[in-house]
Amino acid sequence: MAVMEAQALDMSAILTQAYDLGDMINGSAETADYLYWKKVKDEDPQVKELLRLFQKKKDLFEECQRFGHFHPDYHSALDQAKQIQEQLDSLESVKRYKEAERRLDDLLFTVSEMIARSVSDSIKVPGNELLASGGSCSTGGCSGGCSSCG
């Protein structure tokens, strides 16, 4: 029974330290910056309007996409969605949000990698897809259909 108690105690200490690490990350400058720019972006009237337009263009493109490249409006719908995405990406609040998101993601990836490597060099570490893809959709919740998310 002593082995089980020792294992429970070890798990309790690990979980406590994990919560402490989470609290440190939540209190980090990267998290504060991310939350600030997310709020600014979400409250920006230009972003709201462009997102409304982007959703319309995205819906039009998805309708055209059902028929593929041969739909007469396919390329036009794709170009319109890309144009609005570029307008979104050019807004200061969106640029700052994406940069803050990238820095926070980099912090989380680094912490994950350090934890994994401290256990074993052969442990697979979840990839840093956000950095690999060059960022995320400015909408903050893209379904993958826009030009940024592929």
C-alpha atoms as a PDB file:
ATOM      1  CA  MET A   1       0.000   0.000   0.000  1.00  0.00           C
ATOM      2  CA  ALA A   2       2.943   2.342   0.579  1.00  0.00           C
ATOM      3  CA  VAL A   3       3.828   2.264  -3.136  1.00  0.00           C
ATOM      4  CA  MET A   4       0.313   3.388  -4.075  1.00  0.00           C
ATOM      5  CA  GLU A   5       0.480   6.224  -1.524  1.00  0.00           C
ATOM      6  CA  ALA A   6       3.868   7.346  -2.890  1.00  0.00           C
ATOM      7  CA  GLN A   7       2.515   7.316  -6.457  1.00  0.00           C
ATOM      8  CA  ALA A   8      -0.544   9.316  -5.410  1.00  0.00           C
ATOM      9  CA  LEU A   9       1.711  11.791  -3.631  1.00  0.00           C
ATOM     10  CA  ASP A  10       3.954  12.090  -6.705  1.00  0.00           C
ATOM     11  CA  MET A  11       0.944  12.698  -8.975  1.00  0.00           C
ATOM     12  CA  SER A  12      -0.401  15.284  -6.562  1.00  0.00           C
ATOM     13  CA  ALA A  13       2.925  17.157  -6.591  1.00  0.00           C
ATOM     14  CA  ILE A  14       3.110  16.982 -10.387  1.00  0.00           C
ATOM     15  CA  LEU A  15      -0.423  18.317 -10.760  1.00  0.00           C
ATOM     16  CA  THR A  16       0.243  21.114  -8.273  1.00  0.00           C
ATOM     17  CA  GLN A  17       3.354  22.148 -10.190  1.00  0.00           C
ATOM     18  CA  ALA A  18       1.434  21.953 -13.471  1.00  0.00           C
ATOM     19  CA  TYR A  19      -1.209  24.311 -12.098  1.00  0.00           C
ATOM     20  CA  ASP A  20       1.547  26.633 -10.885  1.00  0.00           C
ATOM     21  CA  LEU A  21       3.108  26.589 -14.358  1.00  0.00           C
ATOM     22  CA  GLY A  22      -0.294  27.353 -15.879  1.00  0.00           C
ATOM     23  CA  ASP A  23      -0.706  30.278 -13.500  1.00  0.00           C
ATOM     24  CA  MET A  24       2.730  31.599 -14.491  1.00  0.00           C
ATOM     25  CA  ILE A  25       1.837  31.363 -18.184  1.00  0.00           C
ATOM     26  CA  ASN A  26      -1.514  33.076 -17.534  1.00  0.00           C
ATOM     27  CA  GLY A  27       0.373  35.866 -15.754  1.00  0.00           C
ATOM     28  CA  SER A  28       2.963  36.253 -18.506  1.00  0.00           C
ATOM     29  CA  ALA A  29       3.431  39.328 -20.664  1.00  0.00           C
ATOM     30  CA  GLU A  30       2.702  37.183 -23.737  1.00  0.00           C
ATOM     31  CA  THR A  31      -0.725  36.189 -22.405  1.00  0.00           C
ATOM     32  CA  ALA A  32      -1.563  39.740 -21.318  1.00  0.00           C
ATOM     33  CA  ASP A  33      -0.542  41.113 -24.720  1.00  0.00           C
ATOM     34  CA  TYR A  34      -2.548  38.436 -26.528  1.00  0.00           C
ATOM     35  CA  LEU A  35      -5.691  39.085 -24.462  1.00  0.00           C
ATOM     36  CA  TYR A  36      -5.344  42.842 -24.925  1.00  0.00           C
ATOM     37  CA  TRP A  37      -5.025  42.675 -28.716  1.00  0.00           C
ATOM     38  CA  LYS A  38      -7.751  40.044 -28.984  1.00  0.00           C
ATOM     39  CA  LYS A  39     -10.128  42.428 -27.197  1.00  0.00           C
ATOM     40  CA  VAL A  40      -9.047  45.380 -29.363  1.00  0.00           C
ATOM     41  CA  LYS A  41      -9.523  43.302 -32.521  1.00  0.00           C
ATOM     42  CA  ASP A  42     -12.900  41.964 -31.398  1.00  0.00           C
ATOM     43  CA  GLU A  43     -14.159  45.495 -30.629  1.00  0.00           C
ATOM     44  CA  ASP A  44     -12.775  47.128 -33.796  1.00  0.00           C
ATOM     45  CA  PRO A  45     -15.740  48.251 -35.960  1.00  0.00           C
ATOM     46  CA  GLN A  46     -13.677  47.872 -39.157  1.00  0.00           C
ATOM     47  CA  VAL A  47     -12.880  44.275 -38.239  1.00  0.00           C
ATOM     48  CA  LYS A  48     -16.543  43.564 -37.506  1.00  0.00           C
ATOM     49  CA  GLU A  49     -17.645  44.972 -40.858  1.00  0.00           C
ATOM     50  CA  LEU A  50     -14.934  43.179 -42.823  1.00  0.00           C
ATOM     51  CA  LEU A  51     -15.721  39.906 -41.025  1.00  0.00           C
ATOM     52  CA  ARG A  52     -19.381  40.302 -41.989  1.00  0.00           C
ATOM     53  CA  LEU A  53     -18.357  40.869 -45.618  1.00  0.00           C
ATOM     54  CA  PHE A  54     -15.812  38.061 -45.454  1.00  0.00           C
ATOM     55  CA  GLN A  55     -18.476  35.621 -44.240  1.00  0.00           C
ATOM     56  CA  LYS A  56     -20.713  36.564 -47.192  1.00  0.00           C
ATOM     57  CA  LYS A  57     -17.850  36.102 -49.671  1.00  0.00           C
ATOM     58  CA  LYS A  58     -16.805  32.872 -47.986  1.00  0.00           C
ATOM     59  CA  ASP A  59     -20.366  31.537 -48.273  1.00  0.00           C
ATOM     60  CA  LEU A  60     -20.436  32.502 -51.966  1.00  0.00           C
ATOM     61  CA  PHE A  61     -17.093  30.791 -52.528  1.00  0.00           C
ATOM     62  CA  GLU A  62     -18.242  27.632 -50.719  1.00  0.00           C
ATOM     63  CA  GLU A  63     -21.332  27.553 -52.954  1.00  0.00           C
ATOM     64  CA  CYS A  64     -19.119  27.840 -56.039  1.00  0.00           C
ATOM     65  CA  GLN A  65     -16.660  25.312 -54.654  1.00  0.00           C
ATOM     66  CA  ARG A  66     -19.358  22.641 -54.660  1.00  0.00           C
ATOM     67  CA  PHE A  67     -19.025  22.654 -58.452  1.00  0.00           C
ATOM     68  CA  GLY A  68     -15.270  23.116 -58.508  1.00  0.00           C
ATOM     69  CA  HIS A  69     -13.067  25.202 -60.775  1.00  0.00           C
ATOM     70  CA  PHE A  70     -15.580  24.942 -63.579  1.00  0.00           C
ATOM     71  CA  HIS A  71     -18.213  27.063 -61.817  1.00  0.00           C
ATOM     72  CA  PRO A  72     -18.389  30.382 -63.727  1.00  0.00           C
ATOM     73  CA  ASP A  73     -17.975  32.451 -60.545  1.00  0.00           C
ATOM     74  CA  TYR A  74     -15.375  30.233 -58.810  1.00  0.00           C
ATOM     75  CA  HIS A  75     -12.303  32.400 -59.442  1.00  0.00           C
ATOM     76  CA  SER A  76     -14.173  35.655 -58.882  1.00  0.00           C
ATOM     77  CA  ALA A  77     -15.568  34.423 -55.548  1.00  0.00           C
ATOM     78  CA  LEU A  78     -12.113  33.233 -54.468  1.00  0.00           C
ATOM     79  CA  ASP A  79     -10.537  36.564 -55.437  1.00  0.00           C
ATOM     80  CA  GLN A  80     -13.194  38.513 -53.531  1.00  0.00           C
ATOM     81  CA  ALA A  81     -12.655  36.440 -50.373  1.00  0.00           C
ATOM     82  CA  LYS A  82      -8.873  36.867 -50.674  1.00  0.00           C
ATOM     83  CA  GLN A  83      -9.250  40.614 -51.141  1.00  0.00           C
ATOM     84  CA  ILE A  84     -11.292  40.982 -47.958  1.00  0.00           C
ATOM     85  CA  GLN A  85      -8.856  38.724 -46.094  1.00  0.00           C
ATOM     86  CA  GLU A  86      -6.020  41.009 -47.220  1.00  0.00           C
ATOM     87  CA  GLN A  87      -7.963  44.047 -46.006  1.00  0.00           C
ATOM     88  CA  LEU A  88      -8.459  42.351 -42.644  1.00  0.00           C
ATOM     89  CA  ASP A  89      -4.781  41.445 -42.445  1.00  0.00           C
ATOM     90  CA  SER A  90      -3.792  45.055 -43.141  1.00  0.00           C
ATOM     91  CA  LEU A  91      -5.659  46.431 -40.107  1.00  0.00           C
ATOM     92  CA  GLU A  92      -3.416  47.369 -37.189  1.00  0.00           C
ATOM     93  CA  SER A  93      -5.517  45.529 -34.596  1.00  0.00           C
ATOM     94  CA  VAL A  94      -5.411  42.329 -36.635  1.00  0.00           C
ATOM     95  CA  LYS A  95      -1.664  42.596 -37.241  1.00  0.00           C
ATOM     96  CA  ARG A  96      -0.991  43.134 -33.548  1.00  0.00           C
ATOM     97  CA  TYR A  97      -3.367  40.328 -32.586  1.00  0.00           C
ATOM     98  CA  LYS A  98      -1.648  37.874 -34.927  1.00  0.00           C
ATOM     99  CA  GLU A  99       1.801  38.837 -33.640  1.00  0.00           C
ATOM    100  CA  ALA A 100       0.684  38.457 -30.003  1.00  0.00           C
ATOM    101  CA  GLU A 101      -0.926  35.118 -30.876  1.00  0.00           C
ATOM    102  CA  ARG A 102       2.300  33.940 -32.504  1.00  0.00           C
ATOM    103  CA  ARG A 103       4.389  34.928 -29.466  1.00  0.00           C
ATOM    104  CA  LEU A 104       1.999  33.180 -27.042  1.00  0.00           C
ATOM    105  CA  ASP A 105       1.926  30.081 -29.220  1.00  0.00           C
ATOM    106  CA  ASP A 106       5.723  30.104 -29.332  1.00  0.00           C
ATOM    107  CA  LEU A 107       5.847  30.296 -25.513  1.00  0.00           C
ATOM    108  CA  LEU A 108       3.418  27.380 -25.151  1.00  0.00           C
ATOM    109  CA  PHE A 109       5.325  25.323 -27.705  1.00  0.00           C
ATOM    110  CA  THR A 110       8.643  26.016 -25.976  1.00  0.00           C
ATOM    111  CA  VAL A 111       7.240  24.988 -22.592  1.00  0.00           C
ATOM    112  CA  SER A 112       5.720  21.818 -24.074  1.00  0.00           C
ATOM    113  CA  GLU A 113       8.980  20.957 -25.781  1.00  0.00           C
ATOM    114  CA  MET A 114      11.001  21.518 -22.601  1.00  0.00           C
ATOM    115  CA  ILE A 115       8.681  19.285 -20.584  1.00  0.00           C
ATOM    116  CA  ALA A 116       8.781  16.536 -23.191  1.00  0.00           C
ATOM    117  CA  ARG A 117      12.573  16.690 -23.614  1.00  0.00           C
ATOM    118  CA  SER A 118      13.081  16.576 -19.838  1.00  0.00           C
ATOM    119  CA  VAL A 119      11.364  13.182 -19.873  1.00  0.00           C
ATOM    120  CA  SER A 120      12.994  11.761 -23.007  1.00  0.00           C
ATOM    121  CA  ASP A 121      14.507  12.923 -26.284  1.00  0.00           C
ATOM    122  CA  SER A 122      12.357  10.416 -28.153  1.00  0.00           C
ATOM    123  CA  ILE A 123       8.991  11.755 -26.968  1.00  0.00           C
ATOM    124  CA  LYS A 124       6.969  13.327 -29.721  1.00  0.00           C
ATOM    125  CA  VAL A 125       6.175  16.963 -29.105  1.00  0.00           C
ATOM    126  CA  PRO A 126       2.993  18.365 -30.611  1.00  0.00           C
ATOM    127  CA  GLY A 127       3.970  20.447 -33.643  1.00  0.00           C
ATOM    128  CA  ASN A 128       3.857  24.183 -33.695  1.00  0.00           C
ATOM    129  CA  GLU A 129       1.407  24.392 -36.612  1.00  0.00           C
ATOM    130  CA  LEU A 130       0.643  28.064 -36.085  1.00  0.00           C
ATOM    131  CA  LEU A 131       4.264  29.021 -36.658  1.00  0.00           C
ATOM    132  CA  ALA A 132       4.664  26.539 -39.479  1.00  0.00           C
ATOM    133  CA  SER A 133       1.652  27.929 -41.329  1.00  0.00           C
ATOM    134  CA  GLY A 134       2.739  31.521 -40.884  1.00  0.00           C
ATOM    135  CA  GLY A 135      -0.140  32.513 -38.623  1.00  0.00           C
ATOM    136  CA  SER A 136      -3.798  31.984 -38.169  1.00  0.00           C
ATOM    137  CA  CYS A 137      -6.894  33.438 -39.717  1.00  0.00           C
ATOM    138  CA  SER A 138      -7.604  36.939 -38.493  1.00  0.00           C
ATOM    139  CA  THR A 139     -11.109  35.884 -37.581  1.00  0.00           C
ATOM    140  CA  GLY A 140      -9.701  33.893 -34.718  1.00  0.00           C
ATOM    141  CA  GLY A 141     -11.808  30.894 -35.610  1.00  0.00           C
ATOM    142  CA  CYS A 142     -11.381  30.093 -39.257  1.00  0.00           C
ATOM    143  CA  SER A 143     -12.752  26.828 -40.540  1.00  0.00           C
ATOM    144  CA  GLY A 144      -9.816  26.483 -42.910  1.00  0.00           C
ATOM    145  CA  GLY A 145     -11.567  27.830 -45.996  1.00  0.00           C
ATOM    146  CA  CYS A 146      -9.807  31.167 -46.278  1.00  0.00           C
ATOM    147  CA  SER A 147      -6.547  32.055 -47.934  1.00  0.00           C
ATOM    148  CA  SER A 148      -4.664  32.231 -44.626  1.00  0.00           C
ATOM    149  CA  CYS A 149      -5.734  28.838 -43.357  1.00  0.00           C
ATOM    150  CA  GLY A 150      -5.703  27.006 -46.653  1.00  0.00           C
END
